[in-house]
Amino acid sequence: MAQYLMSVLFDTAPYSATAEEMAAIDAFNEQMQADGQWVFAGGLGAPSTATVVDGRDGEAVFTDGPYVESKEFAGGLWIIEAPDLDVALRLAAQGSKACNRKIELRPFLSE
């Protein structure tokens, strides 16, 4: 099974899920857990809570705020396991419907 990252993209306020969306997300998570596809999921803090860390040249430099200023940002994520891209795409579509947001699906690199 391959692992995929499903990033939840926020582009309009409110930047948190409604009670109805949370219930749908919980049901989606429970189904993926029952099917053995769920690895991890979580919500992320607002971009204003980000810190960019650059330790490439000697002492690390810490910069408050997001790395990229953008209208859209990742507000949550799922890590899933799926036998192929078609299944991962189906799960991403279901996740998008559950959270009422766009999803970016990306495979993890395999060895």
PDB file of N, CA and C in Angstrom:
ATOM      1  N   MET A   1       0.844  -1.191   0.000  1.00  0.00           N
ATOM      2  CA  MET A   1       0.000   0.000   0.000  1.00  0.00           C
ATOM      3  C   MET A   1       0.880   1.241   0.000  1.00  0.00           C
ATOM      4  N   ALA A   2       0.492   2.204  -0.764  1.00  0.00           N
ATOM      5  CA  ALA A   2       1.199   3.480  -0.808  1.00  0.00           C
ATOM      6  C   ALA A   2       0.565   4.442   0.191  1.00  0.00           C
ATOM      7  N   GLN A   3       1.349   5.376   0.667  1.00  0.00           N
ATOM      8  CA  GLN A   3       0.827   6.417   1.557  1.00  0.00           C
ATOM      9  C   GLN A   3       0.697   7.717   0.789  1.00  0.00           C
ATOM     10  N   TYR A   4      -0.342   8.475   1.127  1.00  0.00           N
ATOM     11  CA  TYR A   4      -0.653   9.746   0.490  1.00  0.00           C
ATOM     12  C   TYR A   4      -0.921  10.792   1.550  1.00  0.00           C
ATOM     13  N   LEU A   5      -0.583  12.030   1.218  1.00  0.00           N
ATOM     14  CA  LEU A   5      -0.920  13.184   2.035  1.00  0.00           C
ATOM     15  C   LEU A   5      -2.113  13.875   1.397  1.00  0.00           C
ATOM     16  N   MET A   6      -3.159  14.053   2.171  1.00  0.00           N
ATOM     17  CA  MET A   6      -4.312  14.823   1.723  1.00  0.00           C
ATOM     18  C   MET A   6      -4.314  16.113   2.538  1.00  0.00           C
ATOM     19  N   SER A   7      -3.982  17.228   1.897  1.00  0.00           N
ATOM     20  CA  SER A   7      -3.962  18.535   2.564  1.00  0.00           C
ATOM     21  C   SER A   7      -5.306  19.218   2.359  1.00  0.00           C
ATOM     22  N   VAL A   8      -5.870  19.705   3.451  1.00  0.00           N
ATOM     23  CA  VAL A   8      -7.139  20.432   3.402  1.00  0.00           C
ATOM     24  C   VAL A   8      -6.827  21.898   3.152  1.00  0.00           C
ATOM     25  N   LEU A   9      -7.341  22.442   2.048  1.00  0.00           N
ATOM     26  CA  LEU A   9      -7.025  23.812   1.655  1.00  0.00           C
ATOM     27  C   LEU A   9      -8.143  24.760   2.059  1.00  0.00           C
ATOM     28  N   PHE A  10      -7.795  25.763   2.801  1.00  0.00           N
ATOM     29  CA  PHE A  10      -8.728  26.812   3.204  1.00  0.00           C
ATOM     30  C   PHE A  10      -8.493  28.021   2.318  1.00  0.00           C
ATOM     31  N   ASP A  11      -9.572  28.658   1.889  1.00  0.00           N
ATOM     32  CA  ASP A  11      -9.417  29.872   1.088  1.00  0.00           C
ATOM     33  C   ASP A  11     -10.428  30.945   1.443  1.00  0.00           C
ATOM     34  N   THR A  12     -11.359  30.644   2.309  1.00  0.00           N
ATOM     35  CA  THR A  12     -12.337  31.639   2.739  1.00  0.00           C
ATOM     36  C   THR A  12     -12.617  31.452   4.223  1.00  0.00           C
ATOM     37  N   ALA A  13     -13.013  32.520   4.882  1.00  0.00           N
ATOM     38  CA  ALA A  13     -13.402  32.441   6.289  1.00  0.00           C
ATOM     39  C   ALA A  13     -14.765  31.758   6.367  1.00  0.00           C
ATOM     40  N   PRO A  14     -15.132  31.070   7.411  1.00  0.00           N
ATOM     41  CA  PRO A  14     -14.310  30.872   8.604  1.00  0.00           C
ATOM     42  C   PRO A  14     -13.225  29.821   8.354  1.00  0.00           C
ATOM     43  N   TYR A  15     -12.149  29.933   9.090  1.00  0.00           N
ATOM     44  CA  TYR A  15     -11.021  29.036   8.911  1.00  0.00           C
ATOM     45  C   TYR A  15     -11.077  27.829   9.837  1.00  0.00           C
ATOM     46  N   SER A  16     -12.239  27.554  10.375  1.00  0.00           N
ATOM     47  CA  SER A  16     -12.425  26.345  11.165  1.00  0.00           C
ATOM     48  C   SER A  16     -13.703  25.667  10.706  1.00  0.00           C
ATOM     49  N   ALA A  17     -13.794  24.398  10.981  1.00  0.00           N
ATOM     50  CA  ALA A  17     -14.945  23.621  10.537  1.00  0.00           C
ATOM     51  C   ALA A  17     -16.162  23.918  11.401  1.00  0.00           C
ATOM     52  N   THR A  18     -17.330  23.869  10.771  1.00  0.00           N
ATOM     53  CA  THR A  18     -18.593  24.000  11.501  1.00  0.00           C
ATOM     54  C   THR A  18     -18.867  22.691  12.237  1.00  0.00           C
ATOM     55  N   ALA A  19     -19.842  22.710  13.114  1.00  0.00           N
ATOM     56  CA  ALA A  19     -20.213  21.492  13.838  1.00  0.00           C
ATOM     57  C   ALA A  19     -20.667  20.407  12.859  1.00  0.00           C
ATOM     58  N   GLU A  20     -21.399  20.798  11.821  1.00  0.00           N
ATOM     59  CA  GLU A  20     -21.847  19.841  10.818  1.00  0.00           C
ATOM     60  C   GLU A  20     -20.662  19.248  10.053  1.00  0.00           C
ATOM     61  N   GLU A  21     -19.697  20.093   9.687  1.00  0.00           N
ATOM     62  CA  GLU A  21     -18.504  19.610   8.990  1.00  0.00           C
ATOM     63  C   GLU A  21     -17.691  18.683   9.889  1.00  0.00           C
ATOM     64  N   MET A  22     -17.563  19.039  11.170  1.00  0.00           N
ATOM     65  CA  MET A  22     -16.807  18.183  12.099  1.00  0.00           C
ATOM     66  C   MET A  22     -17.454  16.810  12.228  1.00  0.00           C
ATOM     67  N   ALA A  23     -18.787  16.760  12.270  1.00  0.00           N
ATOM     68  CA  ALA A  23     -19.480  15.473  12.348  1.00  0.00           C
ATOM     69  C   ALA A  23     -19.210  14.640  11.096  1.00  0.00           C
ATOM     70  N   ALA A  24     -19.230  15.278   9.931  1.00  0.00           N
ATOM     71  CA  ALA A  24     -18.944  14.566   8.679  1.00  0.00           C
ATOM     72  C   ALA A  24     -17.492  14.103   8.635  1.00  0.00           C
ATOM     73  N   ILE A  25     -16.576  14.924   9.114  1.00  0.00           N
ATOM     74  CA  ILE A  25     -15.157  14.551   9.164  1.00  0.00           C
ATOM     75  C   ILE A  25     -14.958  13.368  10.100  1.00  0.00           C
ATOM     76  N   ASP A  26     -15.596  13.408  11.275  1.00  0.00           N
ATOM     77  CA  ASP A  26     -15.489  12.295  12.224  1.00  0.00           C
ATOM     78  C   ASP A  26     -15.993  10.997  11.600  1.00  0.00           C
ATOM     79  N   ALA A  27     -17.127  11.050  10.887  1.00  0.00           N
ATOM     80  CA  ALA A  27     -17.675   9.859  10.238  1.00  0.00           C
ATOM     81  C   ALA A  27     -16.716   9.357   9.155  1.00  0.00           C
ATOM     82  N   PHE A  28     -16.138  10.280   8.386  1.00  0.00           N
ATOM     83  CA  PHE A  28     -15.167   9.920   7.348  1.00  0.00           C
ATOM     84  C   PHE A  28     -13.948   9.245   7.976  1.00  0.00           C
ATOM     85  N   ASN A  29     -13.422   9.836   9.061  1.00  0.00           N
ATOM     86  CA  ASN A  29     -12.272   9.247   9.756  1.00  0.00           C
ATOM     87  C   ASN A  29     -12.585   7.845  10.256  1.00  0.00           C
ATOM     88  N   GLU A  30     -13.761   7.683  10.874  1.00  0.00           N
ATOM     89  CA  GLU A  30     -14.148   6.379  11.412  1.00  0.00           C
ATOM     90  C   GLU A  30     -14.243   5.331  10.300  1.00  0.00           C
ATOM     91  N   GLN A  31     -14.773   5.718   9.140  1.00  0.00           N
ATOM     92  CA  GLN A  31     -14.873   4.777   8.027  1.00  0.00           C
ATOM     93  C   GLN A  31     -13.498   4.385   7.516  1.00  0.00           C
ATOM     94  N   MET A  32     -12.598   5.371   7.387  1.00  0.00           N
ATOM     95  CA  MET A  32     -11.238   5.046   6.927  1.00  0.00           C
ATOM     96  C   MET A  32     -10.515   4.163   7.944  1.00  0.00           C
ATOM     97  N   GLN A  33     -10.723   4.415   9.243  1.00  0.00           N
ATOM     98  CA  GLN A  33     -10.113   3.565  10.263  1.00  0.00           C
ATOM     99  C   GLN A  33     -10.638   2.140  10.154  1.00  0.00           C
ATOM    100  N   ALA A  34     -11.948   1.995   9.972  1.00  0.00           N
ATOM    101  CA  ALA A  34     -12.557   0.664   9.847  1.00  0.00           C
ATOM    102  C   ALA A  34     -12.039  -0.059   8.606  1.00  0.00           C
ATOM    103  N   ASP A  35     -11.750   0.682   7.542  1.00  0.00           N
ATOM    104  CA  ASP A  35     -11.267   0.100   6.288  1.00  0.00           C
ATOM    105  C   ASP A  35      -9.743  -0.066   6.249  1.00  0.00           C
ATOM    106  N   GLY A  36      -9.047   0.353   7.311  1.00  0.00           N
ATOM    107  CA  GLY A  36      -7.591   0.221   7.364  1.00  0.00           C
ATOM    108  C   GLY A  36      -6.838   1.197   6.490  1.00  0.00           C
ATOM    109  N   GLN A  37      -7.455   2.327   6.151  1.00  0.00           N
ATOM    110  CA  GLN A  37      -6.820   3.316   5.271  1.00  0.00           C
ATOM    111  C   GLN A  37      -6.302   4.532   6.022  1.00  0.00           C
ATOM    112  N   TRP A  38      -6.753   4.754   7.223  1.00  0.00           N
ATOM    113  CA  TRP A  38      -6.424   5.931   8.012  1.00  0.00           C
ATOM    114  C   TRP A  38      -5.092   5.711   8.727  1.00  0.00           C
ATOM    115  N   VAL A  39      -4.156   6.624   8.562  1.00  0.00           N
ATOM    116  CA  VAL A  39      -2.886   6.573   9.280  1.00  0.00           C
ATOM    117  C   VAL A  39      -2.843   7.665  10.337  1.00  0.00           C
ATOM    118  N   PHE A  40      -3.178   8.902   9.934  1.00  0.00           N
ATOM    119  CA  PHE A  40      -3.102  10.039  10.842  1.00  0.00           C
ATOM    120  C   PHE A  40      -3.903  11.179  10.245  1.00  0.00           C
ATOM    121  N   ALA A  41      -4.461  12.008  11.102  1.00  0.00           N
ATOM    122  CA  ALA A  41      -5.147  13.215  10.644  1.00  0.00           C
ATOM    123  C   ALA A  41      -5.014  14.279  11.716  1.00  0.00           C
ATOM    124  N   GLY A  42      -5.087  15.537  11.302  1.00  0.00           N
ATOM    125  CA  GLY A  42      -5.037  16.621  12.272  1.00  0.00           C
ATOM    126  C   GLY A  42      -5.281  17.963  11.626  1.00  0.00           C
ATOM    127  N   GLY A  43      -5.754  18.880  12.441  1.00  0.00           N
ATOM    128  CA  GLY A  43      -5.921  20.259  12.011  1.00  0.00           C
ATOM    129  C   GLY A  43      -4.670  21.050  12.321  1.00  0.00           C
ATOM    130  N   LEU A  44      -4.468  22.115  11.565  1.00  0.00           N
ATOM    131  CA  LEU A  44      -3.292  22.971  11.750  1.00  0.00           C
ATOM    132  C   LEU A  44      -3.716  24.345  12.249  1.00  0.00           C
ATOM    133  N   GLY A  45      -2.837  25.001  12.991  1.00  0.00           N
ATOM    134  CA  GLY A  45      -3.074  26.369  13.410  1.00  0.00           C
ATOM    135  C   GLY A  45      -3.080  27.303  12.215  1.00  0.00           C
ATOM    136  N   ALA A  46      -3.604  28.486  12.411  1.00  0.00           N
ATOM    137  CA  ALA A  46      -3.660  29.501  11.357  1.00  0.00           C
ATOM    138  C   ALA A  46      -2.250  29.839  10.867  1.00  0.00           C
ATOM    139  N   PRO A  47      -2.119  30.319   9.628  1.00  0.00           N
ATOM    140  CA  PRO A  47      -0.800  30.686   9.112  1.00  0.00           C
ATOM    141  C   PRO A  47      -0.058  31.672  10.019  1.00  0.00           C
ATOM    142  N   SER A  48      -0.799  32.515  10.722  1.00  0.00           N
ATOM    143  CA  SER A  48      -0.151  33.497  11.609  1.00  0.00           C
ATOM    144  C   SER A  48       0.588  32.829  12.770  1.00  0.00           C
ATOM    145  N   THR A  49       0.313  31.547  13.034  1.00  0.00           N
ATOM    146  CA  THR A  49       0.996  30.836  14.115  1.00  0.00           C
ATOM    147  C   THR A  49       2.266  30.139  13.645  1.00  0.00           C
ATOM    148  N   ALA A  50       2.551  30.201  12.342  1.00  0.00           N
ATOM    149  CA  ALA A  50       3.701  29.504  11.768  1.00  0.00           C
ATOM    150  C   ALA A  50       5.014  30.199  12.120  1.00  0.00           C
ATOM    151  N   THR A  51       6.068  29.407  12.183  1.00  0.00           N
ATOM    152  CA  THR A  51       7.429  29.911  12.303  1.00  0.00           C
ATOM    153  C   THR A  51       8.275  29.201  11.258  1.00  0.00           C
ATOM    154  N   VAL A  52       8.968  29.954  10.437  1.00  0.00           N
ATOM    155  CA  VAL A  52       9.870  29.387   9.443  1.00  0.00           C
ATOM    156  C   VAL A  52      11.250  29.282  10.087  1.00  0.00           C
ATOM    157  N   VAL A  53      11.846  28.103  10.008  1.00  0.00           N
ATOM    158  CA  VAL A  53      13.151  27.843  10.616  1.00  0.00           C
ATOM    159  C   VAL A  53      14.145  27.545   9.497  1.00  0.00           C
ATOM    160  N   ASP A  54      15.232  28.315   9.452  1.00  0.00           N
ATOM    161  CA  ASP A  54      16.268  28.110   8.444  1.00  0.00           C
ATOM    162  C   ASP A  54      17.590  27.854   9.148  1.00  0.00           C
ATOM    163  N   GLY A  55      17.979  26.584   9.207  1.00  0.00           N
ATOM    164  CA  GLY A  55      19.223  26.205   9.858  1.00  0.00           C
ATOM    165  C   GLY A  55      20.295  25.771   8.870  1.00  0.00           C
ATOM    166  N   ARG A  56      20.184  26.215   7.639  1.00  0.00           N
ATOM    167  CA  ARG A  56      21.113  25.754   6.602  1.00  0.00           C
ATOM    168  C   ARG A  56      22.513  26.315   6.753  1.00  0.00           C
ATOM    169  N   ASP A  57      22.670  27.544   7.204  1.00  0.00           N
ATOM    170  CA  ASP A  57      23.987  28.196   7.234  1.00  0.00           C
ATOM    171  C   ASP A  57      24.352  28.611   8.653  1.00  0.00           C
ATOM    172  N   GLY A  58      24.839  27.652   9.423  1.00  0.00           N
ATOM    173  CA  GLY A  58      25.263  27.981  10.782  1.00  0.00           C
ATOM    174  C   GLY A  58      24.097  28.032  11.742  1.00  0.00           C
ATOM    175  N   GLU A  59      24.010  29.137  12.487  1.00  0.00           N
ATOM    176  CA  GLU A  59      22.972  29.276  13.503  1.00  0.00           C
ATOM    177  C   GLU A  59      21.599  29.457  12.843  1.00  0.00           C
ATOM    178  N   ALA A  60      20.605  28.781  13.407  1.00  0.00           N
ATOM    179  CA  ALA A  60      19.255  28.821  12.840  1.00  0.00           C
ATOM    180  C   ALA A  60      18.654  30.223  12.937  1.00  0.00           C
ATOM    181  N   VAL A  61      17.908  30.590  11.904  1.00  0.00           N
ATOM    182  CA  VAL A  61      17.173  31.851  11.865  1.00  0.00           C
ATOM    183  C   VAL A  61      15.691  31.501  11.932  1.00  0.00           C
ATOM    184  N   PHE A  62      14.970  32.168  12.843  1.00  0.00           N
ATOM    185  CA  PHE A  62      13.551  31.926  13.043  1.00  0.00           C
ATOM    186  C   PHE A  62      12.772  33.159  12.585  1.00  0.00           C
ATOM    187  N   THR A  63      11.788  32.945  11.721  1.00  0.00           N
ATOM    188  CA  THR A  63      10.982  34.042  11.198  1.00  0.00           C
ATOM    189  C   THR A  63       9.513  33.740  11.472  1.00  0.00           C
ATOM    190  N   ASP A  64       8.828  34.688  12.111  1.00  0.00           N
ATOM    191  CA  ASP A  64       7.409  34.508  12.397  1.00  0.00           C
ATOM    192  C   ASP A  64       6.593  34.596  11.123  1.00  0.00           C
ATOM    193  N   GLY A  65       5.534  33.808  11.074  1.00  0.00           N
ATOM    194  CA  GLY A  65       4.601  33.871   9.955  1.00  0.00           C
ATOM    195  C   GLY A  65       4.855  32.788   8.932  1.00  0.00           C
ATOM    196  N   PRO A  66       3.963  32.666   7.987  1.00  0.00           N
ATOM    197  CA  PRO A  66       4.079  31.600   6.988  1.00  0.00           C
ATOM    198  C   PRO A  66       5.227  31.839   6.018  1.00  0.00           C
ATOM    199  N   TYR A  67       5.703  30.764   5.431  1.00  0.00           N
ATOM    200  CA  TYR A  67       6.780  30.825   4.441  1.00  0.00           C
ATOM    201  C   TYR A  67       6.315  31.554   3.189  1.00  0.00           C
ATOM    202  N   VAL A  68       5.084  31.283   2.780  1.00  0.00           N
ATOM    203  CA  VAL A  68       4.534  31.877   1.577  1.00  0.00           C
ATOM    204  C   VAL A  68       3.250  32.611   1.923  1.00  0.00           C
ATOM    205  N   GLU A  69       3.139  33.857   1.506  1.00  0.00           N
ATOM    206  CA  GLU A  69       1.885  34.594   1.661  1.00  0.00           C
ATOM    207  C   GLU A  69       0.961  34.160   0.538  1.00  0.00           C
ATOM    208  N   SER A  70      -0.214  33.695   0.897  1.00  0.00           N
ATOM    209  CA  SER A  70      -1.128  33.178  -0.104  1.00  0.00           C
ATOM    210  C   SER A  70      -2.555  33.265   0.402  1.00  0.00           C
ATOM    211  N   LYS A  71      -3.492  33.376  -0.519  1.00  0.00           N
ATOM    212  CA  LYS A  71      -4.907  33.366  -0.146  1.00  0.00           C
ATOM    213  C   LYS A  71      -5.289  31.988   0.383  1.00  0.00           C
ATOM    214  N   GLU A  72      -4.751  30.939  -0.221  1.00  0.00           N
ATOM    215  CA  GLU A  72      -5.026  29.579   0.218  1.00  0.00           C
ATOM    216  C   GLU A  72      -3.906  29.085   1.119  1.00  0.00           C
ATOM    217  N   PHE A  73      -4.278  28.216   2.067  1.00  0.00           N
ATOM    218  CA  PHE A  73      -3.278  27.617   2.936  1.00  0.00           C
ATOM    219  C   PHE A  73      -3.790  26.276   3.430  1.00  0.00           C
ATOM    220  N   ALA A  74      -2.865  25.412   3.842  1.00  0.00           N
ATOM    221  CA  ALA A  74      -3.235  24.112   4.396  1.00  0.00           C
ATOM    222  C   ALA A  74      -3.720  24.320   5.826  1.00  0.00           C
ATOM    223  N   GLY A  75      -4.935  23.865   6.086  1.00  0.00           N
ATOM    224  CA  GLY A  75      -5.514  24.016   7.417  1.00  0.00           C
ATOM    225  C   GLY A  75      -5.660  22.700   8.152  1.00  0.00           C
ATOM    226  N   GLY A  76      -5.363  21.615   7.480  1.00  0.00           N
ATOM    227  CA  GLY A  76      -5.453  20.298   8.090  1.00  0.00           C
ATOM    228  C   GLY A  76      -4.904  19.269   7.137  1.00  0.00           C
ATOM    229  N   LEU A  77      -4.830  18.026   7.597  1.00  0.00           N
ATOM    230  CA  LEU A  77      -4.260  16.983   6.760  1.00  0.00           C
ATOM    231  C   LEU A  77      -4.735  15.615   7.187  1.00  0.00           C
ATOM    232  N   TRP A  78      -4.675  14.720   6.236  1.00  0.00           N
ATOM    233  CA  TRP A  78      -4.817  13.291   6.475  1.00  0.00           C
ATOM    234  C   TRP A  78      -3.608  12.617   5.862  1.00  0.00           C
ATOM    235  N   ILE A  79      -3.125  11.586   6.489  1.00  0.00           N
ATOM    236  CA  ILE A  79      -2.182  10.666   5.873  1.00  0.00           C
ATOM    237  C   ILE A  79      -2.937   9.353   5.765  1.00  0.00           C
ATOM    238  N   ILE A  80      -3.020   8.855   4.538  1.00  0.00           N
ATOM    239  CA  ILE A  80      -3.811   7.658   4.287  1.00  0.00           C
ATOM    240  C   ILE A  80      -2.959   6.600   3.611  1.00  0.00           C
ATOM    241  N   GLU A  81      -3.448   5.374   3.625  1.00  0.00           N
ATOM    242  CA  GLU A  81      -2.850   4.290   2.860  1.00  0.00           C
ATOM    243  C   GLU A  81      -3.880   3.813   1.846  1.00  0.00           C
ATOM    244  N   ALA A  82      -3.438   3.633   0.629  1.00  0.00           N
ATOM    245  CA  ALA A  82      -4.326   3.172  -0.436  1.00  0.00           C
ATOM    246  C   ALA A  82      -3.536   2.273  -1.379  1.00  0.00           C
ATOM    247  N   PRO A  83      -4.202   1.277  -1.967  1.00  0.00           N
ATOM    248  CA  PRO A  83      -3.485   0.361  -2.858  1.00  0.00           C
ATOM    249  C   PRO A  83      -3.064   1.003  -4.174  1.00  0.00           C
ATOM    250  N   ASP A  84      -3.760   2.091  -4.576  1.00  0.00           N
ATOM    251  CA  ASP A  84      -3.400   2.747  -5.833  1.00  0.00           C
ATOM    252  C   ASP A  84      -3.975   4.160  -5.864  1.00  0.00           C
ATOM    253  N   LEU A  85      -3.600   4.900  -6.900  1.00  0.00           N
ATOM    254  CA  LEU A  85      -4.014   6.295  -7.025  1.00  0.00           C
ATOM    255  C   LEU A  85      -5.528   6.433  -7.151  1.00  0.00           C
ATOM    256  N   ASP A  86      -6.171   5.510  -7.835  1.00  0.00           N
ATOM    257  CA  ASP A  86      -7.625   5.602  -7.997  1.00  0.00           C
ATOM    258  C   ASP A  86      -8.345   5.575  -6.652  1.00  0.00           C
ATOM    259  N   VAL A  87      -7.921   4.698  -5.768  1.00  0.00           N
ATOM    260  CA  VAL A  87      -8.527   4.621  -4.431  1.00  0.00           C
ATOM    261  C   VAL A  87      -8.216   5.894  -3.652  1.00  0.00           C
ATOM    262  N   ALA A  88      -6.977   6.377  -3.742  1.00  0.00           N
ATOM    263  CA  ALA A  88      -6.597   7.614  -3.047  1.00  0.00           C
ATOM    264  C   ALA A  88      -7.421   8.797  -3.542  1.00  0.00           C
ATOM    265  N   LEU A  89      -7.646   8.868  -4.846  1.00  0.00           N
ATOM    266  CA  LEU A  89      -8.465   9.952  -5.404  1.00  0.00           C
ATOM    267  C   LEU A  89      -9.912   9.865  -4.913  1.00  0.00           C
ATOM    268  N   ARG A  90     -10.436   8.650  -4.816  1.00  0.00           N
ATOM    269  CA  ARG A  90     -11.798   8.472  -4.297  1.00  0.00           C
ATOM    270  C   ARG A  90     -11.875   8.940  -2.846  1.00  0.00           C
ATOM    271  N   LEU A  91     -10.866   8.583  -2.047  1.00  0.00           N
ATOM    272  CA  LEU A  91     -10.845   9.018  -0.653  1.00  0.00           C
ATOM    273  C   LEU A  91     -10.699  10.537  -0.546  1.00  0.00           C
ATOM    274  N   ALA A  92      -9.879  11.121  -1.416  1.00  0.00           N
ATOM    275  CA  ALA A  92      -9.726  12.578  -1.407  1.00  0.00           C
ATOM    276  C   ALA A  92     -11.047  13.260  -1.739  1.00  0.00           C
ATOM    277  N   ALA A  93     -11.794  12.710  -2.679  1.00  0.00           N
ATOM    278  CA  ALA A  93     -13.103  13.274  -3.019  1.00  0.00           C
ATOM    279  C   ALA A  93     -14.060  13.164  -1.840  1.00  0.00           C
ATOM    280  N   GLN A  94     -14.036  12.031  -1.154  1.00  0.00           N
ATOM    281  CA  GLN A  94     -14.890  11.867   0.021  1.00  0.00           C
ATOM    282  C   GLN A  94     -14.475  12.818   1.142  1.00  0.00           C
ATOM    283  N   GLY A  95     -13.160  12.989   1.325  1.00  0.00           N
ATOM    284  CA  GLY A  95     -12.674  13.922   2.344  1.00  0.00           C
ATOM    285  C   GLY A  95     -13.062  15.352   2.022  1.00  0.00           C
ATOM    286  N   SER A  96     -12.974  15.723   0.742  1.00  0.00           N
ATOM    287  CA  SER A  96     -13.360  17.067   0.317  1.00  0.00           C
ATOM    288  C   SER A  96     -14.831  17.326   0.625  1.00  0.00           C
ATOM    289  N   LYS A  97     -15.657  16.335   0.361  1.00  0.00           N
ATOM    290  CA  LYS A  97     -17.086  16.473   0.641  1.00  0.00           C
ATOM    291  C   LYS A  97     -17.321  16.581   2.143  1.00  0.00           C
ATOM    292  N   ALA A  98     -16.632  15.757   2.930  1.00  0.00           N
ATOM    293  CA  ALA A  98     -16.827  15.748   4.377  1.00  0.00           C
ATOM    294  C   ALA A  98     -16.451  17.079   5.021  1.00  0.00           C
ATOM    295  N   CYS A  99     -15.306  17.649   4.617  1.00  0.00           N
ATOM    296  CA  CYS A  99     -14.841  18.880   5.267  1.00  0.00           C
ATOM    297  C   CYS A  99     -15.281  20.136   4.537  1.00  0.00           C
ATOM    298  N   ASN A 100     -15.876  19.955   3.348  1.00  0.00           N
ATOM    299  CA  ASN A 100     -16.373  21.092   2.565  1.00  0.00           C
ATOM    300  C   ASN A 100     -15.249  22.043   2.162  1.00  0.00           C
ATOM    301  N   ARG A 101     -14.105  21.466   1.824  1.00  0.00           N
ATOM    302  CA  ARG A 101     -12.934  22.228   1.395  1.00  0.00           C
ATOM    303  C   ARG A 101     -12.276  21.488   0.237  1.00  0.00           C
ATOM    304  N   LYS A 102     -11.419  22.174  -0.500  1.00  0.00           N
ATOM    305  CA  LYS A 102     -10.613  21.512  -1.525  1.00  0.00           C
ATOM    306  C   LYS A 102      -9.538  20.676  -0.834  1.00  0.00           C
ATOM    307  N   ILE A 103      -9.123  19.614  -1.517  1.00  0.00           N
ATOM    308  CA  ILE A 103      -8.075  18.725  -1.014  1.00  0.00           C
ATOM    309  C   ILE A 103      -6.964  18.650  -2.054  1.00  0.00           C
ATOM    310  N   GLU A 104      -5.724  18.775  -1.603  1.00  0.00           N
ATOM    311  CA  GLU A 104      -4.577  18.482  -2.461  1.00  0.00           C
ATOM    312  C   GLU A 104      -4.074  17.098  -2.082  1.00  0.00           C
ATOM    313  N   LEU A 105      -4.005  16.200  -3.046  1.00  0.00           N
ATOM    314  CA  LEU A 105      -3.542  14.830  -2.827  1.00  0.00           C
ATOM    315  C   LEU A 105      -2.146  14.679  -3.394  1.00  0.00           C
ATOM    316  N   ARG A 106      -1.219  14.170  -2.565  1.00  0.00           N
ATOM    317  CA  ARG A 106       0.166  13.943  -3.027  1.00  0.00           C
ATOM    318  C   ARG A 106       0.669  12.644  -2.460  1.00  0.00           C
ATOM    319  N   PRO A 107       1.322  11.821  -3.301  1.00  0.00           N
ATOM    320  CA  PRO A 107       1.902  10.574  -2.784  1.00  0.00           C
ATOM    321  C   PRO A 107       3.210  10.867  -2.063  1.00  0.00           C
ATOM    322  N   PHE A 108       3.491  10.045  -1.052  1.00  0.00           N
ATOM    323  CA  PHE A 108       4.810  10.075  -0.463  1.00  0.00           C
ATOM    324  C   PHE A 108       5.760   9.353  -1.402  1.00  0.00           C
ATOM    325  N   LEU A 109       7.002   9.787  -1.457  1.00  0.00           N
ATOM    326  CA  LEU A 109       7.997   9.122  -2.287  1.00  0.00           C
ATOM    327  C   LEU A 109       8.276   7.733  -1.712  1.00  0.00           C
ATOM    328  N   SER A 110       8.375   6.757  -2.597  1.00  0.00           N
ATOM    329  CA  SER A 110       8.691   5.405  -2.150  1.00  0.00           C
ATOM    330  C   SER A 110      10.173   5.167  -2.337  1.00  0.00           C
ATOM    331  N   GLU A 111      10.662   4.207  -1.586  1.00  0.00           N
ATOM    332  CA  GLU A 111      12.096   3.901  -1.638  1.00  0.00           C
ATOM    333  C   GLU A 111      12.442   3.092  -2.842  1.00  0.00           C
TER     334      GLU A 111
END
